[in-house]
Amino acid sequence: MPESRVSSPTPVPTRYWRRNVWLIVLLLLVWAALTFIPSYFARRLSFDFIGWPFSFWMAAYGAPLAYLVIIAVYARIMNREDRRAEEAKGNR
């Protein structure tokens, strides 16, 4: 008679992974807002700024800088969480 395999219960996500997923979702929402909201209002942003349309400046400089800030925020928060997780693992 073949042995029946008892499947182990699915592992419960740890606090670390729940926080990681929550942070990713939040930063993706910020990314989407920074990408789509200025393009939606681009016609209203049609004043000149240093000889160029302001929407050009937002697209050429503002968005890439904001994306770098998003990456820096994620890296800083996850480095802190990694240290906390390692400390908690070492205290066990």
Foldseek 3Di string as FASTA:
>chain_A
DDDDDDDDDDDDDDPLVVVLVVLVVVLVVVLCCLPPVCVVCVVVQQDDDPRHGVSCCSVPPVNVVVVVVSVVVSVVVNVVSVVVVVVVVVVD
